[in-house]
């Protein structure tokens, strides 16, 4: 092996002492093989022509090995070139592979469901999705018993066991479909490459193609009954119900004013007298906006005065906002709602009570000056229903259903309605609101019979 190179250990030692940095000690036996002295130490290098004809110089070994060992490495590189392998590129590939293996090993720390949920998926959902916290709560509530399992070891038995247990507790299948979808979405995310890691933590989502069991006959009957109940919630308010709502709001306003007068009379003179106010409580204009626009409660809570845009050229105010339910979606649709008539009166009166507010939340807590709690309206709605004799079963969300149903009944184009309520298209409205009442259907059938009578009058078919 000592004869492989003309560079002996003695020549190398003498060269290191006498040479200046960047000087080279070449080999007479191996073309392109040399020792390079550096300012600190040195390196064994090989100058060669790669497979594409480009001249390259590569460090093939550090200065600590003997000349004969370095020569052997140089010969090995040349052998690879003859076999069609570029040693430098091969070395770079090995380094990259090693780096990726180290990254993957680090990523495998998060292979268990719980570790991935806590360290990676939770920050992702909280940072990028408005309702991410709710989704995380759903996953943890339903699947925390699987948190100590590796994601790639999950199987259909795990999901079926969860499904049957939840169904036995009376949880609706539609709810379980939603909950399972949230869990599956997390695993789908784990099967995507993360930033800084070329390979995903989970190579394949093992439950990606899994679907929940089909409904039993009993469950189908229960679902039909549930849908029937929902369809009634979409019915148009009767005049009686509308009057009950208005009565309830008026009585609630009167009750609040009376309570305030009583408080002032009993020593709380610092309180503001409410008698001169159109709206003695924020819930009253909140309720009017719901019935006049069909807005979701969450969107009313998010409204700011800046959402009211006044056009000086046509003297028209427009309420412009993006529904919070679809704000993160790619196909989210901005609502542009004309503010006229009674709706304009509601905003004007409430703005006047807020000292002509122009910026910030339209409805906010008097105590904290921040957003109201998202279910704060329900307590006041319960009082209004009790005072006005409104049916207890009437949900506040029914204002949205009634708004859509009334526009449908008036013949307003479905796409126009969809634009007013923030739907991306008219499919949901067409599927759930385009219904005809039984009386209209009967009249249509009678009209159809009349169309045949002039033909049947001279012919007896035994009818």
Protein backbone atom coordinates (compact mmCIF):
# COMPACT_ATOMS: atom_id res chain seq x y z
CA UNK A 1 0.00 0.00 0.00
CA UNK A 2 3.04 2.24 0.60
CA UNK A 3 3.76 2.08 -3.16
CA UNK A 4 0.37 3.55 -4.10
CA UNK A 5 1.68 7.12 -3.87
CA UNK A 6 4.96 8.95 -4.21
CA UNK A 7 4.10 10.98 -1.13
CA UNK A 8 5.80 9.32 1.81
CA UNK A 9 5.30 10.17 5.46
CA UNK A 10 8.80 11.74 5.54
CA UNK A 11 8.09 13.95 2.49
CA UNK A 12 4.78 15.00 4.03
CA UNK A 13 6.37 15.94 7.36
CA UNK A 14 9.09 18.01 5.61
CA UNK A 15 6.47 19.70 3.40
CA UNK A 16 4.33 20.68 6.39
CA UNK A 17 7.31 22.40 8.04
CA UNK A 18 8.58 24.27 4.99
CA UNK A 19 5.49 25.06 2.92
CA UNK A 20 3.34 28.16 3.10
CA UNK A 21 -0.49 28.03 3.36
CA UNK A 22 -2.23 27.02 0.12
CA UNK A 23 0.89 25.27 -1.23
CA UNK A 24 0.37 21.76 -2.65
CA UNK A 25 2.38 18.53 -2.46
CA UNK A 26 1.53 16.52 -5.55
CA UNK A 27 1.65 12.79 -6.23
CA UNK A 28 3.60 11.42 -9.21
CA UNK A 29 1.62 8.19 -9.34
CA UNK A 30 -2.00 9.31 -8.99
CA UNK A 31 -3.01 12.10 -11.32
CA UNK A 32 -4.73 14.98 -9.54
CA UNK A 33 -4.00 13.67 -6.05
CA UNK A 34 -2.27 16.13 -3.70
CA UNK A 35 -1.94 17.41 -0.16
CA UNK A 36 -2.97 21.03 0.47
CA UNK A 37 -1.46 22.95 3.37
CA UNK A 38 -3.87 25.28 5.12
CA UNK A 39 -3.28 28.05 7.63
CA UNK A 40 -4.39 25.58 10.25
CA UNK A 41 -3.67 22.00 9.32
CA UNK A 42 -4.30 20.67 5.81
CA UNK A 43 -6.36 18.34 3.64
CA UNK A 44 -6.01 15.55 1.09
CA UNK A 45 -7.59 16.53 -2.18
CA UNK A 46 -8.29 15.13 -5.66
CA UNK A 47 -8.61 17.14 -8.83
CA UNK A 48 -10.66 15.32 -11.49
CA UNK A 49 -13.02 15.66 -14.44
CA UNK A 50 -16.59 14.76 -13.57
CA UNK A 51 -19.06 12.85 -15.76
CA UNK A 52 -20.17 16.05 -17.48
CA UNK A 53 -16.60 17.06 -18.38
CA UNK A 54 -16.33 19.70 -15.67
CA UNK A 55 -13.08 20.06 -13.70
CA UNK A 56 -13.69 19.68 -9.99
CA UNK A 57 -11.57 19.56 -6.84
CA UNK A 58 -12.79 17.61 -3.82
CA UNK A 59 -11.51 17.09 -0.30
CA UNK A 60 -11.33 13.33 0.02
CA UNK A 61 -9.78 13.02 3.50
CA UNK A 62 -8.62 15.15 6.40
CA UNK A 63 -4.96 15.75 7.26
CA UNK A 64 -4.82 13.21 10.07
CA UNK A 65 -4.66 10.07 7.95
CA UNK A 66 -1.47 8.64 6.43
CA UNK A 67 -0.51 9.23 2.79
CA UNK A 68 -1.13 5.59 1.89
CA UNK A 69 -4.69 5.74 3.30
CA UNK A 70 -5.41 8.99 1.46
CA UNK A 71 -4.04 7.46 -1.75
CA UNK A 72 -6.37 4.49 -1.34
CA UNK A 73 -9.30 6.89 -1.07
CA UNK A 74 -8.15 8.71 -4.22
CA UNK A 75 -7.96 5.42 -6.14
CA UNK A 76 -11.45 4.53 -4.87
CA UNK A 77 -12.82 7.82 -6.20
CA UNK A 78 -11.28 7.22 -9.61
CA UNK A 79 -12.77 3.72 -9.68
CA UNK A 80 -16.21 5.20 -9.02
CA UNK A 81 -15.72 7.62 -11.93
CA UNK A 82 -14.94 4.71 -14.24
CA UNK A 83 -18.18 3.06 -13.07
CA UNK A 84 -20.17 6.18 -13.93
CA UNK A 85 -20.48 7.51 -10.36
CA UNK A 86 -19.46 11.04 -9.45
CA UNK A 87 -17.90 10.56 -5.97
CA UNK A 88 -18.42 14.17 -4.90
CA UNK A 89 -22.11 14.16 -5.85
CA UNK A 90 -22.45 10.75 -4.20
CA UNK A 91 -20.84 12.12 -1.05
CA UNK A 92 -23.19 15.12 -1.06
CA UNK A 93 -26.16 12.78 -1.49
CA UNK A 94 -25.01 10.70 1.46
CA UNK A 95 -24.67 13.83 3.60
CA UNK A 96 -28.13 14.98 2.55
CA UNK A 97 -29.56 11.53 3.27
CA UNK A 98 -27.96 11.51 6.69
CA UNK A 99 -29.37 14.97 7.38
CA UNK A 100 -32.84 13.86 6.34
CA UNK A 101 -32.60 10.76 8.51
CA UNK A 102 -31.69 12.93 11.47
CA UNK A 103 -34.59 15.25 10.73
CA UNK A 104 -36.98 12.33 10.40
CA UNK A 105 -35.68 10.84 13.64
CA UNK A 106 -36.36 14.16 15.36
CA UNK A 107 -39.80 14.34 13.76
CA UNK A 108 -40.65 10.80 14.93
CA UNK A 109 -40.72 12.18 18.45
CA UNK A 110 -44.15 13.52 17.42
CA UNK A 111 -45.42 10.28 15.90
CA UNK A 112 -47.75 9.58 18.81
CA UNK A 113 -51.20 11.15 18.52
CA UNK A 114 -50.88 13.16 21.72
CA UNK A 115 -47.39 14.51 20.99
CA UNK A 116 -48.41 15.63 17.51
CA UNK A 117 -51.67 17.14 18.81
CA UNK A 118 -49.95 19.17 21.55
CA UNK A 119 -46.69 20.23 19.89
CA UNK A 120 -47.62 20.70 16.24
CA UNK A 121 -51.34 20.60 15.45
CA UNK A 122 -52.58 22.79 18.32
CA UNK A 123 -50.31 25.77 17.45
CA UNK A 124 -51.22 25.31 13.77
CA UNK A 125 -54.98 25.48 14.42
CA UNK A 126 -54.77 28.31 16.94
CA UNK A 127 -52.57 30.45 14.67
CA UNK A 128 -54.43 29.90 11.41
CA UNK A 129 -58.11 29.27 12.15
CA UNK A 130 -60.67 31.47 13.89
CA UNK A 131 -62.46 28.48 15.40
CA UNK A 132 -59.33 26.36 15.85
CA UNK A 133 -59.74 26.18 19.62
CA UNK A 134 -63.17 24.61 19.19
CA UNK A 135 -61.83 21.98 16.80
CA UNK A 136 -59.01 21.11 19.20
CA UNK A 137 -61.51 20.74 22.02
CA UNK A 138 -63.58 18.34 19.89
CA UNK A 139 -60.53 16.17 19.08
CA UNK A 140 -59.33 16.02 22.67
CA UNK A 141 -62.80 15.26 24.04
CA UNK A 142 -63.39 12.40 21.60
CA UNK A 143 -59.97 10.87 21.00
CA UNK A 144 -57.80 11.55 24.05
CA UNK A 145 -57.89 7.81 24.78
CA UNK A 146 -55.75 7.34 21.63
CA UNK A 147 -53.16 9.99 22.51
CA UNK A 148 -50.56 7.43 23.60
CA UNK A 149 -50.81 5.51 20.31
CA UNK A 150 -48.57 5.94 17.24
CA UNK A 151 -50.53 7.55 14.45
CA UNK A 152 -49.39 5.00 11.89
CA UNK A 153 -50.68 2.16 14.08
CA UNK A 154 -54.28 3.40 14.24
CA UNK A 155 -56.86 1.23 12.49
CA UNK A 156 -60.56 0.84 11.75
CA UNK A 157 -61.14 -1.08 15.00
CA UNK A 158 -60.07 1.98 17.01
CA UNK A 159 -62.58 4.18 15.20
CA UNK A 160 -65.44 1.69 15.27
CA UNK A 161 -64.97 1.14 18.99
CA UNK A 162 -65.12 4.91 19.55
CA UNK A 163 -68.16 5.26 17.27
CA UNK A 164 -70.18 2.50 18.93
CA UNK A 165 -69.38 3.78 22.40
CA UNK A 166 -70.49 7.32 21.53
CA UNK A 167 -73.63 6.12 19.75
CA UNK A 168 -74.55 4.09 22.83
CA UNK A 169 -74.49 7.35 24.79
CA UNK A 170 -77.05 8.85 22.42
CA UNK A 171 -74.72 11.11 20.43
CA UNK A 172 -76.18 11.93 17.01
CA UNK A 173 -74.46 10.41 14.01
CA UNK A 174 -74.17 13.84 12.37
CA UNK A 175 -72.18 15.02 15.38
CA UNK A 176 -69.93 11.96 15.22
CA UNK A 177 -69.35 12.50 11.49
CA UNK A 178 -68.19 16.03 12.30
CA UNK A 179 -65.97 14.87 15.18
CA UNK A 180 -64.41 12.06 13.13
CA UNK A 181 -63.80 14.49 10.29
CA UNK A 182 -61.85 16.76 12.64
CA UNK A 183 -59.67 13.85 13.79
CA UNK A 184 -59.09 12.62 10.24
CA UNK A 185 -58.13 16.14 9.15
CA UNK A 186 -55.43 16.20 11.83
CA UNK A 187 -53.95 12.94 10.54
CA UNK A 188 -54.10 14.26 6.97
CA UNK A 189 -52.08 17.25 8.15
CA UNK A 190 -49.55 14.90 9.79
CA UNK A 191 -49.14 13.19 6.41
CA UNK A 192 -47.95 16.45 4.80
CA UNK A 193 -44.30 17.57 4.86
CA UNK A 194 -43.71 20.13 7.59
CA UNK A 195 -41.53 23.17 7.20
CA UNK A 196 -37.87 22.18 7.43
CA UNK A 197 -38.57 18.46 7.09
CA UNK A 198 -38.57 16.86 3.64
CA UNK A 199 -40.51 13.79 4.82
CA UNK A 200 -43.89 13.98 6.61
CA UNK A 201 -44.17 12.66 10.16
CA UNK A 202 -46.89 10.28 9.03
CA UNK A 203 -46.21 8.66 5.66
CA UNK A 204 -49.81 7.56 5.10
CA UNK A 205 -52.95 8.37 7.05
CA UNK A 206 -54.12 4.84 8.01
CA UNK A 207 -57.78 5.91 8.33
CA UNK A 208 -57.92 8.19 5.30
CA UNK A 209 -60.35 6.00 3.36
CA UNK A 210 -62.37 4.92 6.40
CA UNK A 211 -66.01 5.96 6.64
CA UNK A 212 -68.38 5.58 9.57
CA UNK A 213 -71.04 2.82 9.52
CA UNK A 214 -74.22 3.47 7.55
CA UNK A 215 -77.35 4.48 9.41
CA UNK A 216 -79.59 1.74 10.73
CA UNK A 217 -83.31 1.83 9.90
CA UNK A 218 -84.02 3.21 13.37
CA UNK A 219 -81.37 5.89 12.94
CA UNK A 220 -82.78 6.81 9.54
CA UNK A 221 -86.22 7.29 11.12
CA UNK A 222 -84.72 9.43 13.87
CA UNK A 223 -82.82 11.53 11.32
CA UNK A 224 -85.99 12.03 9.28
CA UNK A 225 -87.85 13.20 12.38
CA UNK A 226 -84.97 15.55 13.22
CA UNK A 227 -84.95 17.01 9.70
CA UNK A 228 -88.70 17.47 9.88
CA UNK A 229 -88.25 19.43 13.08
CA UNK A 230 -85.60 21.58 11.42
CA UNK A 231 -87.86 22.25 8.46
CA UNK A 232 -90.49 23.70 10.79
CA UNK A 233 -87.86 26.01 12.25
CA UNK A 234 -87.46 27.44 8.74
CA UNK A 235 -91.14 28.29 8.47
CA UNK A 236 -92.09 31.96 8.18
CA UNK A 237 -93.09 33.60 11.46
CA UNK A 238 -96.83 34.02 11.76
CA UNK A 239 -98.18 37.52 12.39
CA UNK A 240 -99.01 36.37 15.89
CA UNK A 241 -95.41 35.37 16.61
CA UNK A 242 -94.12 38.63 15.14
CA UNK A 243 -96.47 40.58 17.41
CA UNK A 244 -95.35 38.52 20.39
CA UNK A 245 -91.71 39.35 19.64
CA UNK A 246 -92.41 43.07 19.35
CA UNK A 247 -94.48 42.98 22.54
CA UNK A 248 -91.72 41.12 24.37
CA UNK A 249 -89.08 43.66 23.29
CA UNK A 250 -91.30 46.59 24.32
CA UNK A 251 -92.07 45.07 27.71
CA UNK A 252 -88.42 44.21 28.26
CA UNK A 253 -87.42 47.82 27.51
CA UNK A 254 -90.10 49.08 29.91
CA UNK A 255 -89.00 46.65 32.61
CA UNK A 256 -85.36 47.76 32.34
CA UNK A 257 -86.35 51.42 32.56
CA UNK A 258 -88.52 50.73 35.59
CA UNK A 259 -85.71 48.81 37.31
CA UNK A 260 -83.32 51.70 36.68
CA UNK A 261 -85.79 54.25 38.11
CA UNK A 262 -86.15 52.08 41.20
CA UNK A 263 -82.36 51.81 41.61
CA UNK A 264 -81.95 55.59 41.35
CA UNK A 265 -84.74 56.15 43.85
CA UNK A 266 -83.05 53.80 46.31
CA UNK A 267 -79.76 55.65 46.56
CA UNK A 268 -77.95 54.90 43.30
CA UNK A 269 -78.17 58.43 41.91
CA UNK A 270 -74.96 57.97 39.90
CA UNK A 271 -76.75 55.67 37.46
CA UNK A 272 -78.00 57.04 34.13
CA UNK A 273 -81.77 57.39 33.78
CA UNK A 274 -82.91 55.20 30.87
CA UNK A 275 -86.33 56.78 30.24
CA UNK A 276 -85.17 59.01 27.37
CA UNK A 277 -83.27 56.24 25.56
CA UNK A 278 -84.74 54.41 22.58
CA UNK A 279 -82.80 51.30 23.53
CA UNK A 280 -82.21 50.86 27.27
CA UNK A 281 -80.14 47.72 26.56
CA UNK A 282 -77.82 46.58 23.74
CA UNK A 283 -79.82 43.40 23.19
CA UNK A 284 -82.78 45.31 21.75
CA UNK A 285 -80.94 46.78 18.71
CA UNK A 286 -79.01 43.49 18.51
CA UNK A 287 -82.33 41.65 18.12
CA UNK A 288 -83.65 44.15 15.55
CA UNK A 289 -80.51 43.74 13.42
CA UNK A 290 -80.95 39.95 13.55
CA UNK A 291 -84.56 40.08 12.33
CA UNK A 292 -83.92 42.73 9.67
CA UNK A 293 -80.74 41.21 8.17
CA UNK A 294 -80.78 37.49 8.96
CA UNK A 295 -77.22 37.81 10.26
CA UNK A 296 -75.76 35.09 12.42
CA UNK A 297 -75.35 36.17 16.06
CA UNK A 298 -71.56 35.67 15.82
CA UNK A 299 -71.39 38.16 12.94
CA UNK A 300 -73.46 40.74 14.81
CA UNK A 301 -71.08 40.46 17.76
CA UNK A 302 -68.16 41.11 15.39
CA UNK A 303 -69.71 44.17 13.73
CA UNK A 304 -67.78 47.42 13.88
CA UNK A 305 -68.93 50.90 13.00
CA UNK A 306 -66.35 50.79 10.21
CA UNK A 307 -68.51 48.10 8.55
CA UNK A 308 -71.07 50.82 7.78
CA UNK A 309 -69.89 52.52 4.60
CA UNK A 310 -71.60 55.73 3.46
CA UNK A 311 -71.59 56.66 -0.24
CA UNK A 312 -71.94 60.43 -0.55
CA UNK A 313 -72.77 60.22 -4.24
CA UNK A 314 -76.00 58.24 -3.82
CA UNK A 315 -76.62 59.01 -0.14
CA UNK A 316 -76.67 55.26 0.56
CA UNK A 317 -75.17 53.37 3.50
CA UNK A 318 -74.01 49.78 3.01
CA UNK A 319 -73.23 47.23 5.69
CA UNK A 320 -70.17 45.33 4.45
CA UNK A 321 -68.66 42.35 6.25
CA UNK A 322 -67.28 38.83 5.71
CA UNK A 323 -69.17 36.14 7.68
CA UNK A 324 -66.92 34.73 10.41
CA UNK A 325 -68.02 31.20 9.51
CA UNK A 326 -66.36 31.43 6.10
CA UNK A 327 -63.69 34.07 6.71
CA UNK A 328 -60.82 31.55 6.46
CA UNK A 329 -62.24 29.73 3.44
CA UNK A 330 -60.79 30.38 -0.01
CA UNK A 331 -64.27 30.94 -1.43
CA UNK A 332 -65.47 33.27 1.34
CA UNK A 333 -67.99 35.83 0.19
CA UNK A 334 -68.26 39.41 1.41
CA UNK A 335 -71.78 40.53 2.25
CA UNK A 336 -72.93 43.96 1.04
CA UNK A 337 -76.23 44.75 2.72
CA UNK A 338 -78.16 47.98 1.91
CA UNK A 339 -78.94 49.92 5.09
CA UNK A 340 -82.31 51.60 4.60
CA UNK A 341 -85.62 52.17 6.35
CA UNK A 342 -86.02 50.56 9.76
CA UNK A 343 -82.51 49.07 9.74
CA UNK A 344 -81.00 52.52 9.21
CA UNK A 345 -83.15 53.85 12.06
CA UNK A 346 -81.80 51.12 14.37
CA UNK A 347 -78.16 51.94 13.58
CA UNK A 348 -78.75 55.71 13.80
CA UNK A 349 -80.49 55.49 17.18
CA UNK A 350 -77.87 53.18 18.64
CA UNK A 351 -75.04 55.38 17.31
CA UNK A 352 -76.68 58.40 18.92
CA UNK A 353 -76.80 56.60 22.26
CA UNK A 354 -73.10 55.76 21.83
CA UNK A 355 -72.29 59.45 21.39
CA UNK A 356 -72.19 59.12 17.58
CA UNK A 357 -69.62 56.35 17.67
CA UNK A 358 -67.75 55.84 14.40
CA UNK A 359 -65.06 53.32 15.29
CA UNK A 360 -64.77 50.02 17.14
CA UNK A 361 -67.27 47.35 18.07
CA UNK A 362 -70.94 48.25 17.70
CA UNK A 363 -71.81 46.01 20.65
CA UNK A 364 -69.30 45.76 23.48
CA UNK A 365 -69.22 45.17 27.20
CA UNK A 366 -69.82 48.29 29.30
CA UNK A 367 -67.69 46.75 32.01
CA UNK A 368 -64.61 45.73 29.99
CA UNK A 369 -65.11 47.82 26.85
CA UNK A 370 -64.24 44.65 24.91
CA UNK A 371 -66.15 41.98 23.01
CA UNK A 372 -69.27 40.54 24.59
CA UNK A 373 -69.47 36.87 25.49
CA UNK A 374 -70.74 35.04 22.40
CA UNK A 375 -73.87 33.67 24.09
CA UNK A 376 -74.74 36.79 26.05
CA UNK A 377 -77.86 37.41 23.91
CA UNK A 378 -79.52 34.13 24.94
CA UNK A 379 -80.31 35.22 28.50
CA UNK A 380 -82.05 38.39 27.28
CA UNK A 381 -83.86 36.50 24.52
CA UNK A 382 -85.28 34.18 27.17
CA UNK A 383 -86.69 37.19 29.07
CA UNK A 384 -88.21 38.67 25.90
CA UNK A 385 -89.91 35.38 25.03
CA UNK A 386 -91.38 35.07 28.52
CA UNK A 387 -92.68 38.66 28.56
CA UNK A 388 -94.17 38.54 25.07
CA UNK A 389 -95.57 35.02 25.19
CA UNK A 390 -93.25 33.91 22.37
CA UNK A 391 -93.18 30.09 22.01
CA UNK A 392 -90.40 28.71 24.19
CA UNK A 393 -89.18 26.52 21.31
CA UNK A 394 -88.42 29.53 19.08
CA UNK A 395 -84.64 29.70 18.81
CA UNK A 396 -82.90 33.07 18.33
CA UNK A 397 -81.28 31.65 15.19
CA UNK A 398 -84.80 31.39 13.73
CA UNK A 399 -84.55 35.09 12.84
CA UNK A 400 -82.08 34.03 10.13
CA UNK A 401 -84.38 31.24 8.93
CA UNK A 402 -87.35 33.59 8.84
CA UNK A 403 -85.40 36.23 6.93
CA UNK A 404 -84.44 33.76 4.21
CA UNK A 405 -87.90 32.14 4.11
CA UNK A 406 -89.69 35.48 3.70
CA UNK A 407 -87.43 36.54 0.83
CA UNK A 408 -87.99 33.16 -0.85
CA UNK A 409 -91.76 33.55 -0.44
CA UNK A 410 -91.59 37.02 -2.02
CA UNK A 411 -89.92 35.57 -5.10
CA UNK A 412 -86.51 37.14 -4.55
CA UNK A 413 -83.90 35.31 -6.71
CA UNK A 414 -82.01 32.67 -4.79
CA UNK A 415 -78.60 34.10 -5.72
CA UNK A 416 -79.64 37.52 -4.44
CA UNK A 417 -80.66 35.98 -1.12
CA UNK A 418 -77.41 34.01 -0.97
CA UNK A 419 -75.47 37.27 -1.40
CA UNK A 420 -77.37 38.92 1.45
CA UNK A 421 -76.80 36.09 3.92
CA UNK A 422 -73.21 35.23 2.96
CA UNK A 423 -73.68 31.91 1.16
CA UNK A 424 -71.19 31.11 -1.61
CA UNK A 425 -74.07 29.95 -3.85
CA UNK A 426 -77.78 29.22 -3.72
CA UNK A 427 -77.60 25.44 -3.26
CA UNK A 428 -78.32 25.42 0.49
CA UNK A 429 -81.26 27.78 0.11
CA UNK A 430 -82.66 25.80 -2.81
CA UNK A 431 -82.39 22.54 -0.86
CA UNK A 432 -83.89 23.77 2.41
CA UNK A 433 -86.09 26.81 1.81
CA UNK A 434 -87.78 26.38 -1.59
CA UNK A 435 -90.84 24.64 -0.18
CA UNK A 436 -94.49 25.06 -1.08
CA UNK A 437 -97.20 24.90 1.54
CA UNK A 438 -99.88 22.22 1.30
CA UNK A 439 -102.66 24.65 0.36
CA UNK A 440 -100.74 25.96 -2.64
CA UNK A 441 -99.90 22.41 -3.71
CA UNK A 442 -103.57 21.39 -3.49
CA UNK A 443 -104.66 24.38 -5.61
CA UNK A 444 -102.12 23.43 -8.28
CA UNK A 445 -103.50 19.87 -8.41
CA UNK A 446 -107.09 21.13 -8.70
CA UNK A 447 -106.01 23.33 -11.58
CA UNK A 448 -104.43 20.34 -13.27
CA UNK A 449 -107.70 18.37 -12.96
CA UNK A 450 -109.67 21.21 -14.51
CA UNK A 451 -107.44 21.07 -17.55
CA UNK A 452 -108.73 17.56 -18.32
CA UNK A 453 -112.45 18.17 -17.68
CA UNK A 454 -113.31 19.51 -21.11
CA UNK A 455 -111.87 16.31 -22.59
CA UNK A 456 -113.62 13.96 -20.15
CA UNK A 457 -117.09 15.55 -20.36
CA UNK A 458 -118.32 13.40 -23.29
CA UNK A 459 -116.50 10.27 -22.36
CA UNK A 460 -117.28 7.94 -19.49
CA UNK A 461 -114.22 6.12 -18.17
CA UNK A 462 -116.04 4.87 -15.14
CA UNK A 463 -114.76 7.80 -13.04
